[in-house]
Protein backbone atom coordinates (compact mmCIF):
# COMPACT_ATOMS: atom_id res chain seq x y z
CA UNK A 1 -7.84 -3.88 -26.64
CA UNK A 2 -8.65 -1.12 -29.13
CA UNK A 3 -9.46 1.21 -26.26
CA UNK A 4 -6.15 0.44 -24.56
CA UNK A 5 -4.24 1.05 -27.79
CA UNK A 6 -5.95 4.41 -28.31
CA UNK A 7 -5.33 5.35 -24.67
CA UNK A 8 -1.63 4.54 -24.89
CA UNK A 9 -1.22 6.37 -28.20
CA UNK A 10 -2.95 9.43 -26.76
CA UNK A 11 -0.78 9.53 -23.65
CA UNK A 12 2.41 8.93 -25.64
CA UNK A 13 1.48 11.80 -27.92
CA UNK A 14 0.61 14.15 -25.06
CA UNK A 15 3.37 13.48 -22.57
CA UNK A 16 6.41 11.52 -21.44
CA UNK A 17 7.12 8.35 -19.55
CA UNK A 18 4.99 9.18 -16.50
CA UNK A 19 1.87 9.59 -18.60
CA UNK A 20 2.58 6.39 -20.52
CA UNK A 21 3.05 4.42 -17.29
CA UNK A 22 -0.20 5.83 -15.93
CA UNK A 23 -2.02 4.79 -19.12
CA UNK A 24 -0.61 1.26 -18.78
CA UNK A 25 -1.88 1.06 -15.21
CA UNK A 26 -5.37 2.21 -16.25
CA UNK A 27 -5.43 -0.38 -19.05
CA UNK A 28 -4.30 -3.15 -16.69
CA UNK A 29 -6.98 -2.12 -14.20
CA UNK A 30 -9.65 -2.38 -16.91
CA UNK A 31 -8.41 -5.83 -17.96
CA UNK A 32 -8.40 -7.10 -14.37
CA UNK A 33 -11.96 -5.91 -13.75
CA UNK A 34 -13.08 -7.48 -17.04
CA UNK A 35 -11.37 -10.76 -16.13
CA UNK A 36 -13.06 -10.80 -12.73
CA UNK A 37 -16.51 -10.18 -14.21
CA UNK A 38 -16.27 -12.24 -17.39
CA UNK A 39 -14.36 -15.36 -16.38
CA UNK A 40 -12.58 -16.26 -19.64
CA UNK A 41 -9.13 -17.83 -19.57
CA UNK A 42 -7.65 -15.65 -22.32
CA UNK A 43 -8.86 -12.53 -20.52
CA UNK A 44 -7.19 -13.81 -17.33
CA UNK A 45 -3.90 -14.21 -19.19
CA UNK A 46 -4.14 -10.75 -20.73
CA UNK A 47 -5.01 -9.23 -17.35
CA UNK A 48 -2.07 -10.95 -15.66
CA UNK A 49 0.37 -9.86 -18.37
CA UNK A 50 -0.94 -6.29 -18.37
CA UNK A 51 -0.68 -6.08 -14.57
CA UNK A 52 2.92 -7.32 -14.55
CA UNK A 53 3.90 -4.88 -17.30
CA UNK A 54 2.17 -1.98 -15.52
CA UNK A 55 3.94 -2.71 -12.22
CA UNK A 56 7.34 -3.08 -13.90
CA UNK A 57 6.91 0.17 -15.85
CA UNK A 58 5.77 1.94 -12.68
CA UNK A 59 8.79 0.68 -10.74
CA UNK A 60 11.16 1.77 -13.52
CA UNK A 61 9.61 5.16 -14.28
CA UNK A 62 8.31 6.44 -10.94
CA UNK A 63 10.96 4.72 -8.79
CA UNK A 64 8.90 4.18 -5.62
CA UNK A 65 12.04 3.12 -3.72
CA UNK A 66 12.89 6.83 -3.44
CA UNK A 67 10.60 6.93 -0.40
CA UNK A 68 13.56 5.51 1.55
CA UNK A 69 15.67 8.63 0.95
CA UNK A 70 14.54 12.08 2.00
CA UNK A 71 17.06 13.80 -0.28
CA UNK A 72 16.01 11.91 -3.42
CA UNK A 73 12.30 11.98 -2.63
CA UNK A 74 12.29 15.74 -2.08
CA UNK A 75 14.14 16.26 -5.35
CA UNK A 76 12.29 13.80 -7.60
CA UNK A 77 8.70 13.33 -6.44
CA UNK A 78 5.94 15.26 -8.24
CA UNK A 79 2.16 15.16 -8.32
CA UNK A 80 2.37 12.50 -11.05
CA UNK A 81 3.93 10.16 -8.49
CA UNK A 82 0.90 10.70 -6.28
CA UNK A 83 -1.50 9.90 -9.11
CA UNK A 84 0.52 6.89 -10.31
CA UNK A 85 0.81 5.43 -6.80
CA UNK A 86 -2.94 5.79 -6.32
CA UNK A 87 -3.54 3.97 -9.62
CA UNK A 88 -1.18 1.16 -8.56
CA UNK A 89 -3.03 0.89 -5.24
CA UNK A 90 -6.32 0.51 -7.10
CA UNK A 91 -4.70 -2.09 -9.37
CA UNK A 92 -3.45 -4.07 -6.35
CA UNK A 93 -6.93 -4.09 -4.83
CA UNK A 94 -8.48 -5.19 -8.13
CA UNK A 95 -5.90 -7.96 -8.63
CA UNK A 96 -6.55 -9.22 -5.09
CA UNK A 97 -10.30 -9.32 -5.73
CA UNK A 98 -9.78 -11.09 -9.06
CA UNK A 99 -7.29 -13.63 -7.65
CA UNK A 100 -9.58 -14.49 -4.74
CA UNK A 101 -12.37 -15.31 -7.20
CA UNK A 102 -10.07 -17.50 -9.28
CA UNK A 103 -8.26 -19.18 -6.35
CA UNK A 104 -10.84 -19.67 -3.58
CA UNK A 105 -8.68 -22.25 -1.78
CA UNK A 106 -5.82 -19.77 -1.52
CA UNK A 107 -7.98 -16.79 -0.62
CA UNK A 108 -6.26 -16.19 2.73
CA UNK A 109 -2.77 -16.03 1.23
CA UNK A 110 -3.98 -13.94 -1.69
CA UNK A 111 -5.60 -11.53 0.74
CA UNK A 112 -2.40 -11.22 2.77
CA UNK A 113 -0.16 -10.55 -0.22
CA UNK A 114 -2.65 -8.19 -1.83
CA UNK A 115 -3.18 -6.22 1.37
CA UNK A 116 0.56 -5.76 1.89
CA UNK A 117 1.12 -4.67 -1.73
CA UNK A 118 -1.85 -2.28 -1.71
CA UNK A 119 -0.79 -0.78 1.62
CA UNK A 120 2.79 -0.35 0.38
CA UNK A 121 1.60 1.43 -2.79
CA UNK A 122 -0.74 3.62 -0.75
CA UNK A 123 2.15 4.47 1.57
CA UNK A 124 4.21 5.62 -1.42
CA UNK A 125 1.29 7.81 -2.43
CA UNK A 126 1.13 9.32 1.08
CA UNK A 127 4.86 10.09 1.10
CA UNK A 128 4.73 11.59 -2.41
CA UNK A 129 1.72 13.68 -1.40
CA UNK A 130 3.60 14.86 1.68
CA UNK A 131 6.53 15.96 -0.46
CA UNK A 132 4.28 17.78 -2.93
CA UNK A 133 2.29 19.55 -0.21
CA UNK A 134 5.48 20.41 1.66
CA UNK A 135 7.00 21.79 -1.51
CA UNK A 136 4.00 24.06 -2.00
CA UNK A 137 4.58 25.50 1.48
CA UNK A 138 8.34 25.73 1.02
CA UNK A 139 9.28 22.89 3.42
CA UNK A 140 9.31 19.74 1.29
CA UNK A 141 11.52 17.81 3.72
CA UNK A 142 9.13 18.42 6.60
CA UNK A 143 6.33 17.11 4.40
CA UNK A 144 8.39 13.98 3.72
CA UNK A 145 9.02 13.43 7.45
CA UNK A 146 5.41 14.03 8.44
CA UNK A 147 4.23 11.64 5.72
CA UNK A 148 6.50 8.87 7.02
CA UNK A 149 5.07 9.43 10.49
CA UNK A 150 1.56 9.11 9.07
CA UNK A 151 2.51 5.91 7.21
CA UNK A 152 3.91 4.26 10.34
CA UNK A 153 0.79 5.11 12.35
CA UNK A 154 -1.43 3.94 9.47
CA UNK A 155 0.30 0.56 9.32
CA UNK A 156 0.08 -0.09 13.05
CA UNK A 157 -3.57 1.06 13.17
CA UNK A 158 -4.49 -1.29 10.30
CA UNK A 159 -2.69 -4.12 12.11
CA UNK A 160 -4.53 -3.35 15.34
CA UNK A 161 -7.91 -3.31 13.60
CA UNK A 162 -7.23 -6.66 11.93
CA UNK A 163 -6.03 -8.27 15.17
CA UNK A 164 -9.11 -7.15 17.07
CA UNK A 165 -11.72 -7.47 14.32
CA UNK A 166 -14.50 -10.00 14.64
CA UNK A 167 -15.57 -9.77 10.99
CA UNK A 168 -15.97 -13.34 9.65
CA UNK A 169 -15.79 -12.09 6.04
CA UNK A 170 -12.06 -11.36 6.44
CA UNK A 171 -10.30 -14.72 6.42
CA UNK A 172 -7.36 -15.02 8.83
CA UNK A 173 -7.68 -11.35 9.74
CA UNK A 174 -5.72 -11.81 12.96
CA UNK A 175 -2.79 -13.44 11.17
CA UNK A 176 -2.74 -10.66 8.59
CA UNK A 177 -2.81 -8.13 11.43
CA UNK A 178 0.23 -9.72 13.01
CA UNK A 179 2.04 -9.61 9.66
CA UNK A 180 1.28 -5.91 9.18
CA UNK A 181 2.22 -5.21 12.79
CA UNK A 182 5.58 -6.88 12.27
CA UNK A 183 6.17 -4.83 9.13
CA UNK A 184 5.24 -1.63 10.99
CA UNK A 185 7.70 -2.43 13.78
CA UNK A 186 10.41 -3.24 11.23
CA UNK A 187 9.80 0.11 9.52
CA UNK A 188 9.88 1.90 12.85
CA UNK A 189 13.17 0.34 13.95
CA UNK A 190 15.02 0.11 10.63
CA UNK A 191 13.81 3.18 8.72
CA UNK A 192 12.20 5.72 11.04
CA UNK A 193 14.92 5.38 13.66
CA UNK A 194 17.58 6.18 11.06
CA UNK A 195 15.68 8.76 9.00
CA UNK A 196 13.37 10.78 11.21
CA UNK A 197 14.77 13.58 13.38
CA UNK A 198 14.14 13.86 17.11
CA UNK A 199 10.56 15.18 17.31
CA UNK A 200 9.16 13.02 14.52
CA UNK A 201 10.94 9.97 15.91
CA UNK A 202 9.51 10.53 19.39
CA UNK A 203 5.99 11.02 18.01
CA UNK A 204 6.32 7.86 15.93
CA UNK A 205 7.40 5.77 18.92
CA UNK A 206 4.66 7.23 21.13
CA UNK A 207 1.92 6.52 18.57
CA UNK A 208 3.08 2.96 17.87
CA UNK A 209 3.58 2.21 21.56
CA UNK A 210 0.11 3.50 22.47
CA UNK A 211 -1.58 1.42 19.77
CA UNK A 212 0.37 -1.72 20.74
CA UNK A 213 -0.52 -1.23 24.42
CA UNK A 214 -4.21 -0.87 23.57
CA UNK A 215 -4.08 -3.99 21.38
CA UNK A 216 -2.34 -5.99 24.12
CA UNK A 217 -4.96 -5.02 26.73
CA UNK A 218 -7.88 -5.74 24.42
CA UNK A 219 -6.37 -9.00 23.17
CA UNK A 220 -5.80 -10.22 26.73
CA UNK A 221 -9.39 -9.47 27.66
CA UNK A 222 -10.65 -11.41 24.65
CA UNK A 223 -8.48 -14.44 25.37
CA UNK A 224 -9.20 -14.38 29.14
CA UNK A 225 -12.92 -13.70 29.49
CA UNK A 226 -12.98 -15.11 33.03
CA UNK A 227 -9.84 -13.26 34.17
CA UNK A 228 -7.89 -16.46 34.89
CA UNK A 229 -5.41 -18.55 33.04
CA UNK A 230 -2.82 -17.40 30.50
CA UNK A 231 -3.25 -15.80 27.09
CA UNK A 232 -3.43 -18.12 24.12
C-alpha cells in the first residue's frame, strides 16, 4: 500500500492523466499477483477494487473505443496508449489467473471472459502501435488500417488454434475457440467491411477465409476418422 501511494504520487508529480492511469494499472497488477500468491480475503478485496478502478480510469483517460474510428485514432493515439494497453493486457491475464485459483468450479467461464478481455486489450495495443509507427513514417492512417488487418487475422488464428488444440490443460478450449471465431467474423463483417478500403478489405477476407477453410478440413478429419458418417 505504501509502495502504491509513493508510485501514484511520483507519477502525479511527473506527468498528467496518462501517467497516473498507468501507475494505477501497475498497482492493481501488483495487488492481483499478491492476492493470487497469498490467499487472504482482504487482499482479494483490495485487488478487485484496484483492478476495477484501474480499468475505469484507463477507459476514461485513454479512450480505447477510439480504435473504431480511423480519424480519431490517428489524431489521438500516442505511445502512451500502447504502453497503457499492454499494462491492461497484463492485468487481464493476471486477474484471469487469480480468479481461476479462487473459483475452480467456474474456471472455464473465467478463462473465456479473461481471454476475450485480454485479447481485446492487446488488439487496442496493436492498433495504437500501428498508428504510432505509421505516424513516424508519415502515413498514420495506413498504420491504423494495417493494424486492424493484423488484429482480425490474430483473432481468427487464435480461434483456429483453440478449436484444433488437443491440450487438456485448457478447459473447454474448443468452445472458447468458437466464441473468438464468432467475434472475429463479427468484426470482419461489421467493422472491417465498413472501415477498411479495398485492398485491406480483400486481404482481410482472404486471410479469414483461408484460416476458416483449413479449420473446417481439419475439424472434419478429426470428427470423421473413418471417413464415413457426418460431422458431430
